[in-house]
Amino acid sequence: MKLPVAEEYQLRKNSTTEGEWKLVPFFEWFFKLAEIVNKYLYSMWYDGLVFGFCSKEDSENLLRCIPRSVLLVRFSDIEYGKIKISVKDRNGGEHYAAKKLFGRIFDDFSCQNM
């Protein structure tokens, strides 16, 4: 029997209708991200270029402290199996789903929900 770890892991996973939320067990969420790193981001992870576990608010605080333009690759803390890119440029910060930023690079993700 799979039990969710905590209510904050209310993640969308194979919803039958738009807006339907399901609880996903922590280990399922964690290993999905590990699979994505192993399959698509391994060299970036190994080189220390993926920040990993970081909320949107934490990424904004971190990027605010950096004086130059930069992007931060992080795992979504809300959406199941998604990678987010937080970008700071001269005009401020933005957040993107990886597919929106990189287009076809991530089209073959097995989760197909980016």
Protein backbone atom coordinates (compact mmCIF):
# COMPACT_ATOMS: atom_id res chain seq x y z
CA MET A 1 0.00 0.00 0.00
CA LYS A 2 1.45 3.36 -1.05
CA LEU A 3 0.88 6.19 1.39
CA PRO A 4 1.67 9.87 0.80
CA VAL A 5 4.39 11.30 3.03
CA ALA A 6 2.77 14.68 3.60
CA GLU A 7 -0.05 16.81 2.30
CA GLU A 8 2.35 19.29 0.69
CA TYR A 9 3.16 16.64 -1.89
CA GLN A 10 -0.17 17.17 -3.60
CA LEU A 11 1.15 16.78 -7.08
CA ARG A 12 -0.63 16.42 -10.37
CA LYS A 13 -0.04 12.99 -11.83
CA ASN A 14 -2.01 11.52 -14.69
CA SER A 15 -5.08 13.53 -13.77
CA THR A 16 -8.28 12.43 -15.40
CA THR A 17 -9.60 15.98 -15.53
CA GLU A 18 -7.83 19.33 -15.61
CA GLY A 19 -7.29 20.69 -12.15
CA GLU A 20 -7.62 17.34 -10.39
CA TRP A 21 -4.89 16.83 -7.78
CA LYS A 22 -3.64 13.56 -6.39
CA LEU A 23 -1.31 12.77 -3.55
CA VAL A 24 1.90 11.14 -4.74
CA PRO A 25 4.14 9.21 -2.36
CA PHE A 26 7.46 10.93 -1.67
CA PHE A 27 9.55 8.05 -3.02
CA GLU A 28 7.65 8.10 -6.32
CA TRP A 29 8.19 11.87 -6.67
CA PHE A 30 11.87 11.59 -5.71
CA PHE A 31 12.69 8.66 -8.02
CA LYS A 32 10.92 10.31 -10.96
CA LEU A 33 13.29 13.28 -10.58
CA ALA A 34 16.25 10.91 -10.19
CA GLU A 35 15.22 9.23 -13.46
CA ILE A 36 15.08 12.61 -15.24
CA VAL A 37 18.51 13.58 -13.91
CA ASN A 38 20.00 10.23 -14.90
CA LYS A 39 18.46 10.29 -18.38
CA TYR A 40 18.71 13.96 -19.37
CA LEU A 41 20.72 16.05 -16.91
CA TYR A 42 23.49 13.73 -15.73
CA SER A 43 26.46 15.71 -17.04
CA MET A 44 24.97 18.99 -15.81
CA TRP A 45 24.29 17.41 -12.40
CA TYR A 46 27.81 15.96 -12.21
CA ASP A 47 29.30 19.38 -13.05
CA GLY A 48 27.23 21.02 -10.30
CA LEU A 49 25.06 23.01 -12.70
CA VAL A 50 21.71 21.75 -11.41
CA PHE A 51 20.62 23.30 -8.12
CA GLY A 52 18.02 20.60 -7.57
CA PHE A 53 15.60 20.87 -4.68
CA CYS A 54 14.58 24.48 -4.34
CA SER A 55 11.23 26.24 -4.12
CA LYS A 56 10.27 29.14 -6.35
CA GLU A 57 10.62 31.53 -3.43
CA ASP A 58 14.05 30.15 -2.49
CA SER A 59 15.25 30.49 -6.08
CA GLU A 60 14.05 34.10 -6.20
CA ASN A 61 15.92 34.91 -2.98
CA LEU A 62 19.06 33.20 -4.25
CA LEU A 63 18.98 34.93 -7.64
CA ARG A 64 18.32 38.30 -6.03
CA CYS A 65 21.75 38.06 -4.32
CA ILE A 66 23.64 37.44 -7.58
CA PRO A 67 24.67 40.64 -9.40
CA ARG A 68 24.87 39.21 -12.94
CA SER A 69 22.42 37.48 -15.27
CA VAL A 70 22.09 33.80 -14.44
CA LEU A 71 19.73 30.84 -14.69
CA LEU A 72 18.99 28.18 -12.11
CA VAL A 73 17.85 24.64 -12.99
CA ARG A 74 15.64 23.24 -10.24
CA PHE A 75 13.05 20.56 -9.63
CA SER A 76 9.45 21.68 -9.31
CA ASP A 77 8.29 21.38 -5.72
CA ILE A 78 4.64 21.49 -6.80
CA GLU A 79 4.31 19.61 -10.10
CA TYR A 80 5.16 15.93 -10.50
CA GLY A 81 8.19 15.17 -12.67
CA LYS A 82 8.85 18.71 -13.87
CA ILE A 83 12.01 20.75 -14.19
CA LYS A 84 11.82 24.51 -13.74
CA ILE A 85 14.26 27.14 -14.94
CA SER A 86 14.53 30.33 -12.90
CA VAL A 87 16.16 33.14 -14.87
CA LYS A 88 17.53 36.46 -13.69
CA ASP A 89 18.36 39.08 -16.28
CA ARG A 90 18.69 42.85 -16.19
CA ASN A 91 14.91 43.24 -15.93
CA GLY A 92 14.40 40.87 -12.98
CA GLY A 93 13.45 37.22 -12.58
CA GLU A 94 11.27 34.79 -14.50
CA HIS A 95 10.31 31.13 -14.04
CA TYR A 96 9.82 28.70 -16.91
CA ALA A 97 8.96 25.07 -17.38
CA ALA A 98 11.94 23.47 -19.11
CA LYS A 99 9.92 22.59 -22.23
CA LYS A 100 8.82 26.19 -22.74
CA LEU A 101 12.40 27.39 -22.53
CA PHE A 102 14.17 24.68 -24.50
CA GLY A 103 11.40 23.49 -26.82
CA ARG A 104 12.01 20.08 -28.32
CA ILE A 105 14.95 19.11 -26.10
CA PHE A 106 12.57 17.82 -23.45
CA ASP A 107 9.75 16.59 -25.71
CA ASP A 108 10.64 12.94 -25.14
CA PHE A 109 10.39 13.03 -21.34
CA SER A 110 8.48 9.94 -20.36
CA CYS A 111 6.15 11.95 -18.14
CA GLN A 112 5.08 14.14 -21.12
CA ASN A 113 3.65 16.79 -18.81
CA MET A 114 6.14 19.63 -19.03
